[in-house]
Amino acid sequence: MNPQGGVIEGAQRQNVGIDVAKQHLDVCIGTDQPRLANDAAGWNALIEKLKAEQVDLIVVEATGGYERGVVCALQDAGLTVARVNPRQARDFAKSMGVLGKTDKVDARCLRDFADVLARHKDRDKYITPAAEPHRQALAALVVRRRQLVEMRVAETNRLQQATKVTARSIRSILKALDKQIADIDDDTDQLLQEHFKEQRKLLDSASGVGPVTILTLTALLPELGRLKRRQIAKLVGIAPLACDSGQHKGKRVIWGGRSDVRSVVYMAALSAKQHNPVIRAFYERLVAAGKPAKVALVACMRKLLTILNAMLRDSSVWDALRHLDLKKA
């Protein structure tokens, strides 16, 4: 930067790494590594500092939601943020020979990672888009609903071995959980109807795609309809990944991706192979060709997701004649 605070023409702007913890943020800007509180006051101080430095790209590691507040604050301030998978960040650190792990070391590694991503030819695909408020609210309800369902399953399992005295308590809890789940279903239904009515209508036209699948795809897969078919399959974690080296040709496997979305697509594919003529015919053709049942089912998951992606992309309802050929999707 020049003495007046402007960026020298042709000079490379600094990138930033932020390691997020529940209580604090470890920031790395060049050689400066301040620690700030992970709250509104800390975010404001950080934004003021980053704007003064006129930074280019900020890389933040996803930490189970603790990063959500600072990411939204940075984006609202007009700063560019890339929220990366912790595994990616750790693998990058190891590739650079950094085996130790502290908050300050992690922040420096994230800064180095930001330097790489900032110059990457596909830089834009790593940038985290600003979250839509309504979709954020929907995603929070989806997470809470899953937590309640898991609690209900646990209590139902306990009921099988409960005594007469404890069974009364368990039934009371189950009744309360059922009410909470019903309330959340009402809230999600209202949000979908008010803000995602068209997407809901399109997804609902596909046999095998039920309310939970529609809710999960809408809340947790905002990229649906915006990416190409291979990209969306890889994002969810149902794209076959190669494992070849030299003359060795390994088996293709699926790995990574968004597990919550993958789970509901799996259940939707199970239903679709029974009730959806396109998916059923596709599954039967693969099995007849000698494919194992699980491999055929994963292929059905991929085909179903590809078709749903094309439907939202083109704003078209389910058309069995069109989707009989995967390439047309």
Protein backbone atom coordinates (compact mmCIF):
# COMPACT_ATOMS: atom_id res chain seq x y z
CA MET A 1 0.00 0.00 0.00
CA ASN A 2 1.12 3.57 -0.64
CA PRO A 3 1.34 6.18 2.18
CA GLN A 4 -2.14 7.50 1.30
CA GLY A 5 -3.65 4.07 1.94
CA GLY A 6 -4.33 3.11 -1.66
CA VAL A 7 -3.17 -0.07 -3.34
CA ILE A 8 -0.09 0.32 -5.49
CA GLU A 9 -0.96 -0.47 -9.09
CA GLY A 10 0.22 -3.96 -10.05
CA ALA A 11 0.83 -4.97 -6.41
CA GLN A 12 -0.78 -8.17 -5.19
CA ARG A 13 -3.42 -7.67 -2.51
CA GLN A 14 -3.05 -9.58 0.72
CA ASN A 15 -5.11 -12.66 1.51
CA VAL A 16 -6.28 -13.70 4.94
CA GLY A 17 -6.73 -16.92 6.90
CA ILE A 18 -9.06 -17.15 9.90
CA ASP A 19 -9.10 -20.07 12.32
CA VAL A 20 -12.45 -20.09 14.10
CA ALA A 21 -13.12 -21.32 17.62
CA LYS A 22 -16.23 -20.99 19.75
CA GLN A 23 -14.90 -18.01 21.72
CA HIS A 24 -12.29 -16.42 19.47
CA LEU A 25 -10.91 -15.89 15.96
CA ASP A 26 -7.22 -16.31 15.12
CA VAL A 27 -6.52 -14.12 12.09
CA CYS A 28 -3.44 -14.15 9.86
CA ILE A 29 -2.82 -11.07 7.68
CA GLY A 30 0.73 -11.10 6.38
CA THR A 31 2.91 -11.35 9.49
CA ASP A 32 0.21 -9.95 11.76
CA GLN A 33 -1.72 -12.55 13.77
CA PRO A 34 -4.28 -10.90 16.06
CA ARG A 35 -6.80 -12.83 18.15
CA LEU A 36 -10.31 -11.36 18.27
CA ALA A 37 -13.50 -12.36 20.04
CA ASN A 38 -15.95 -14.42 18.00
CA ASP A 39 -18.83 -12.02 18.56
CA ALA A 40 -20.33 -8.93 16.97
CA ALA A 41 -17.70 -6.60 18.47
CA GLY A 42 -14.88 -8.84 17.28
CA TRP A 43 -16.41 -9.11 13.79
CA ASN A 44 -16.69 -5.32 13.50
CA ALA A 45 -13.07 -4.84 14.57
CA LEU A 46 -11.98 -7.49 12.07
CA ILE A 47 -13.96 -5.93 9.22
CA GLU A 48 -12.46 -2.50 9.96
CA LYS A 49 -8.95 -3.96 9.87
CA LEU A 50 -9.51 -6.00 6.68
CA LYS A 51 -11.01 -3.02 4.86
CA ALA A 52 -8.07 -0.86 5.88
CA GLU A 53 -5.73 -3.49 4.43
CA GLN A 54 -7.92 -3.82 1.30
CA VAL A 55 -7.57 -7.60 1.38
CA ASP A 56 -8.48 -9.79 -1.56
CA LEU A 57 -9.66 -13.21 -0.32
CA ILE A 58 -10.46 -14.54 3.15
CA VAL A 59 -10.37 -18.28 3.81
CA VAL A 60 -12.32 -19.62 6.78
CA GLU A 61 -12.48 -23.23 7.87
CA ALA A 62 -15.96 -24.67 8.52
CA THR A 63 -16.21 -25.48 12.23
CA GLY A 64 -19.66 -26.90 12.83
CA GLY A 65 -21.45 -23.56 12.68
CA TYR A 66 -19.15 -21.41 14.85
CA GLU A 67 -17.95 -19.72 11.66
CA ARG A 68 -21.45 -18.81 10.44
CA GLY A 69 -21.68 -15.43 12.17
CA VAL A 70 -18.31 -14.09 11.07
CA VAL A 71 -18.79 -15.33 7.49
CA CYS A 72 -22.15 -13.54 7.20
CA ALA A 73 -20.69 -10.37 8.75
CA LEU A 74 -17.76 -10.37 6.32
CA GLN A 75 -20.03 -10.95 3.32
CA ASP A 76 -22.43 -8.23 4.43
CA ALA A 77 -19.43 -5.89 4.54
CA GLY A 78 -18.66 -6.71 0.89
CA LEU A 79 -15.60 -8.90 1.55
CA THR A 80 -14.89 -12.07 -0.41
CA VAL A 81 -14.95 -15.27 1.66
CA ALA A 82 -14.18 -18.89 0.86
CA ARG A 83 -15.44 -21.32 3.52
CA VAL A 84 -13.45 -24.54 3.06
CA ASN A 85 -13.86 -28.10 4.29
CA PRO A 86 -11.61 -28.84 7.32
CA ARG A 87 -10.27 -31.94 5.56
CA GLN A 88 -9.19 -29.85 2.58
CA ALA A 89 -7.48 -27.34 4.85
CA ARG A 90 -5.66 -30.05 6.80
CA ASP A 91 -4.59 -31.88 3.65
CA PHE A 92 -3.20 -28.62 2.29
CA ALA A 93 -1.23 -28.05 5.49
CA LYS A 94 0.25 -31.55 5.31
CA SER A 95 1.15 -31.05 1.66
CA MET A 96 3.16 -28.00 2.76
CA GLY A 97 4.98 -30.07 5.39
CA VAL A 98 3.11 -28.54 8.33
CA LEU A 99 2.44 -31.38 10.74
CA GLY A 100 1.95 -29.38 13.94
CA LYS A 101 -1.46 -27.98 14.78
CA THR A 102 -2.23 -24.89 16.86
CA ASP A 103 -4.72 -22.08 16.28
CA LYS A 104 -2.00 -19.71 15.02
CA VAL A 105 -0.44 -22.40 12.80
CA ASP A 106 -3.86 -23.19 11.35
CA ALA A 107 -4.49 -19.50 10.63
CA ARG A 108 -1.17 -19.24 8.78
CA CYS A 109 -1.93 -22.35 6.74
CA LEU A 110 -5.35 -20.97 5.85
CA ARG A 111 -3.67 -17.73 4.74
CA ASP A 112 -1.33 -19.76 2.50
CA PHE A 113 -4.34 -21.67 1.18
CA ALA A 114 -6.01 -18.32 0.42
CA ASP A 115 -2.92 -17.28 -1.57
CA VAL A 116 -3.36 -20.38 -3.75
CA LEU A 117 -7.13 -20.04 -4.22
CA ALA A 118 -6.89 -16.33 -4.99
CA ARG A 119 -4.76 -17.09 -8.07
CA HIS A 120 -6.59 -20.26 -9.11
CA LYS A 121 -8.05 -20.28 -12.61
CA ASP A 122 -11.35 -21.55 -11.17
CA ARG A 123 -11.28 -19.15 -8.23
CA ASP A 124 -14.99 -18.33 -8.45
CA LYS A 125 -16.12 -21.87 -7.66
CA TYR A 126 -14.38 -21.72 -4.27
CA ILE A 127 -16.04 -18.46 -3.23
CA THR A 128 -18.87 -18.94 -0.74
CA PRO A 129 -22.03 -17.19 -2.00
CA ALA A 130 -23.91 -14.98 0.41
CA ALA A 131 -26.57 -17.01 2.19
CA GLU A 132 -30.22 -16.18 1.57
CA PRO A 133 -31.92 -15.38 4.91
CA HIS A 134 -34.98 -17.52 4.15
CA ARG A 135 -32.82 -20.48 3.12
CA GLN A 136 -30.72 -20.08 6.27
CA ALA A 137 -33.87 -20.20 8.38
CA LEU A 138 -35.05 -23.27 6.48
CA ALA A 139 -31.68 -25.00 6.93
CA ALA A 140 -31.78 -24.34 10.68
CA LEU A 141 -35.23 -25.91 10.88
CA VAL A 142 -34.03 -28.95 8.91
CA VAL A 143 -31.16 -29.46 11.35
CA ARG A 144 -33.47 -29.08 14.35
CA ARG A 145 -36.00 -31.50 12.88
CA ARG A 146 -33.29 -34.11 12.37
CA GLN A 147 -32.17 -33.67 15.99
CA LEU A 148 -35.72 -34.18 17.24
CA VAL A 149 -36.23 -37.26 15.05
CA GLU A 150 -32.98 -38.75 16.38
CA MET A 151 -34.15 -38.13 19.94
CA ARG A 152 -37.48 -39.75 19.13
CA VAL A 153 -35.76 -42.84 17.73
CA ALA A 154 -33.62 -43.10 20.87
CA GLU A 155 -36.64 -42.80 23.17
CA THR A 156 -38.61 -45.33 21.10
CA ASN A 157 -35.74 -47.81 21.44
CA ARG A 158 -35.67 -47.29 25.22
CA LEU A 159 -39.41 -47.91 25.42
CA GLN A 160 -38.92 -51.51 24.29
CA GLN A 161 -37.05 -52.38 27.50
CA ALA A 162 -38.68 -49.91 29.87
CA THR A 163 -40.43 -50.84 33.08
CA LYS A 164 -44.00 -49.75 33.78
CA VAL A 165 -42.74 -46.75 35.78
CA THR A 166 -40.14 -45.54 33.23
CA ALA A 167 -42.41 -46.21 30.24
CA ARG A 168 -44.76 -43.47 31.45
CA SER A 169 -41.90 -40.96 31.37
CA ILE A 170 -40.75 -42.10 27.93
CA ARG A 171 -44.25 -41.80 26.48
CA SER A 172 -44.50 -38.26 27.83
CA ILE A 173 -41.23 -37.36 26.13
CA LEU A 174 -42.36 -39.00 22.89
CA LYS A 175 -45.57 -37.01 22.97
CA ALA A 176 -43.62 -33.76 23.46
CA LEU A 177 -41.22 -34.67 20.65
CA ASP A 178 -44.10 -35.43 18.30
CA LYS A 179 -45.56 -31.99 19.02
CA GLN A 180 -42.22 -30.28 18.43
CA ILE A 181 -41.71 -32.13 15.13
CA ALA A 182 -45.25 -31.20 14.02
CA ASP A 183 -44.60 -27.54 14.90
CA ILE A 184 -41.38 -27.52 12.89
CA ASP A 185 -43.16 -29.18 9.97
CA ASP A 186 -45.72 -26.35 10.05
CA ASP A 187 -42.95 -23.73 10.11
CA THR A 188 -41.04 -25.34 7.23
CA ASP A 189 -44.24 -25.72 5.22
CA GLN A 190 -44.96 -22.03 5.64
CA LEU A 191 -41.42 -21.03 4.60
CA LEU A 192 -41.53 -23.28 1.54
CA GLN A 193 -44.92 -21.93 0.52
CA GLU A 194 -43.92 -18.28 0.96
CA HIS A 195 -40.41 -18.29 -0.51
CA PHE A 196 -39.82 -21.52 -2.48
CA LYS A 197 -43.25 -22.27 -3.90
CA GLU A 198 -42.11 -22.75 -7.51
CA GLN A 199 -39.17 -25.00 -6.61
CA ARG A 200 -41.41 -27.06 -4.36
CA LYS A 201 -43.95 -27.48 -7.15
CA LEU A 202 -41.30 -28.67 -9.62
CA LEU A 203 -39.71 -31.17 -7.23
CA ASP A 204 -43.07 -32.46 -6.07
CA SER A 205 -43.95 -33.46 -9.64
CA ALA A 206 -41.34 -36.28 -9.54
CA SER A 207 -42.53 -39.67 -8.26
CA GLY A 208 -40.42 -40.82 -5.31
CA VAL A 209 -39.58 -37.30 -4.16
CA GLY A 210 -41.47 -36.69 -0.92
CA PRO A 211 -41.80 -33.76 1.50
CA VAL A 212 -38.59 -34.53 3.45
CA THR A 213 -36.56 -34.79 0.23
CA ILE A 214 -38.01 -31.52 -1.08
CA LEU A 215 -37.30 -29.79 2.23
CA THR A 216 -33.71 -31.07 2.45
CA LEU A 217 -32.81 -30.30 -1.17
CA THR A 218 -34.26 -26.80 -0.90
CA ALA A 219 -32.56 -25.98 2.39
CA LEU A 220 -29.20 -27.75 2.09
CA LEU A 221 -28.56 -27.84 -1.66
CA PRO A 222 -29.07 -24.27 -2.96
CA GLU A 223 -26.83 -25.13 -5.93
CA LEU A 224 -29.49 -27.47 -7.36
CA GLY A 225 -30.43 -26.23 -10.81
CA ARG A 226 -27.35 -23.98 -11.04
CA LEU A 227 -24.59 -26.50 -11.67
CA LYS A 228 -23.86 -29.03 -14.41
CA ARG A 229 -24.88 -32.65 -13.79
CA ARG A 230 -21.38 -33.91 -12.95
CA GLN A 231 -20.77 -30.98 -10.62
CA ILE A 232 -24.00 -31.47 -8.67
CA ALA A 233 -23.37 -35.24 -8.35
CA LYS A 234 -19.86 -34.62 -7.03
CA LEU A 235 -21.11 -31.96 -4.61
CA VAL A 236 -23.57 -34.42 -3.06
CA GLY A 237 -20.99 -37.22 -3.06
CA ILE A 238 -22.56 -39.66 -5.51
CA ALA A 239 -20.17 -39.20 -8.44
CA PRO A 240 -17.85 -42.19 -9.10
CA LEU A 241 -14.27 -41.19 -8.29
CA ALA A 242 -11.37 -42.82 -10.11
CA CYS A 243 -8.58 -44.62 -8.26
CA ASP A 244 -6.06 -45.33 -11.03
CA SER A 245 -2.27 -45.29 -10.96
CA GLY A 246 -0.09 -46.40 -13.85
CA GLN A 247 -1.45 -49.68 -15.16
CA HIS A 248 -3.57 -50.21 -12.07
CA LYS A 249 -7.27 -49.53 -12.65
CA GLY A 250 -9.00 -49.32 -9.29
CA LYS A 251 -12.69 -49.54 -8.58
CA ARG A 252 -14.70 -46.34 -8.84
CA VAL A 253 -16.09 -45.29 -5.47
CA ILE A 254 -18.31 -42.52 -4.14
CA TRP A 255 -16.89 -40.48 -1.30
CA GLY A 256 -17.25 -37.15 0.48
CA GLY A 257 -19.98 -34.67 -0.34
CA ARG A 258 -22.95 -33.56 1.74
CA SER A 259 -24.00 -36.55 3.78
CA ASP A 260 -27.37 -35.08 4.87
CA VAL A 261 -28.40 -34.53 1.26
CA ARG A 262 -27.00 -37.88 0.14
CA SER A 263 -29.07 -39.70 2.76
CA VAL A 264 -32.37 -38.26 1.57
CA VAL A 265 -31.47 -38.83 -2.10
CA TYR A 266 -30.78 -42.47 -1.18
CA MET A 267 -34.23 -42.84 0.37
CA ALA A 268 -35.81 -41.05 -2.60
CA ALA A 269 -34.05 -43.43 -5.01
CA LEU A 270 -35.28 -46.43 -3.02
CA SER A 271 -38.83 -45.17 -3.41
CA ALA A 272 -38.35 -44.11 -7.03
CA LYS A 273 -37.07 -47.52 -8.16
CA GLN A 274 -40.41 -48.92 -7.02
CA HIS A 275 -42.83 -46.18 -8.09
CA ASN A 276 -41.10 -44.08 -10.74
CA PRO A 277 -41.17 -45.76 -14.19
CA VAL A 278 -38.03 -44.00 -15.43
CA ILE A 279 -35.89 -44.87 -12.41
CA ARG A 280 -37.37 -48.37 -12.18
CA ALA A 281 -36.53 -49.11 -15.84
CA PHE A 282 -33.02 -47.72 -15.37
CA TYR A 283 -32.43 -49.85 -12.24
CA GLU A 284 -33.75 -53.03 -13.88
CA ARG A 285 -31.57 -52.45 -16.95
CA LEU A 286 -28.44 -52.09 -14.81
CA VAL A 287 -29.20 -55.19 -12.74
CA ALA A 288 -29.93 -57.19 -15.92
CA ALA A 289 -26.52 -56.09 -17.24
CA GLY A 290 -24.87 -57.66 -14.17
CA LYS A 291 -24.37 -54.62 -11.97
CA PRO A 292 -24.56 -55.29 -8.20
CA ALA A 293 -27.75 -54.01 -6.60
CA LYS A 294 -25.95 -51.33 -4.56
CA VAL A 295 -24.06 -50.05 -7.60
CA ALA A 296 -27.32 -49.88 -9.54
CA LEU A 297 -29.00 -48.00 -6.68
CA VAL A 298 -26.21 -45.42 -6.50
CA ALA A 299 -26.55 -44.95 -10.26
CA CYS A 300 -30.29 -44.38 -9.70
CA MET A 301 -29.46 -41.77 -7.04
CA ARG A 302 -27.22 -40.00 -9.53
CA LYS A 303 -29.80 -40.17 -12.33
CA LEU A 304 -32.59 -38.91 -10.08
CA LEU A 305 -30.48 -36.00 -8.82
CA THR A 306 -29.41 -35.18 -12.39
CA ILE A 307 -33.02 -35.06 -13.52
CA LEU A 308 -34.09 -32.88 -10.57
CA ASN A 309 -31.16 -30.57 -11.33
CA ALA A 310 -32.30 -30.27 -14.98
CA MET A 311 -35.91 -29.66 -13.92
CA LEU A 312 -34.96 -26.69 -11.75
CA ARG A 313 -32.51 -25.43 -14.36
CA ASP A 314 -35.19 -25.40 -17.05
CA SER A 315 -38.14 -24.64 -14.72
CA SER A 316 -39.92 -27.74 -16.03
CA VAL A 317 -42.02 -30.36 -14.28
CA TRP A 318 -41.28 -34.10 -14.45
CA ASP A 319 -41.58 -35.49 -17.97
CA ALA A 320 -41.09 -39.28 -18.17
CA LEU A 321 -40.62 -39.26 -21.95
CA ARG A 322 -37.89 -36.63 -21.74
CA HIS A 323 -36.02 -38.24 -18.88
CA LEU A 324 -35.93 -41.77 -20.22
CA ASP A 325 -32.55 -40.84 -21.72
CA LEU A 326 -30.03 -39.71 -19.09
CA LYS A 327 -28.12 -37.58 -21.57
CA LYS A 328 -31.18 -35.46 -22.19
CA ALA A 329 -31.29 -34.58 -18.51
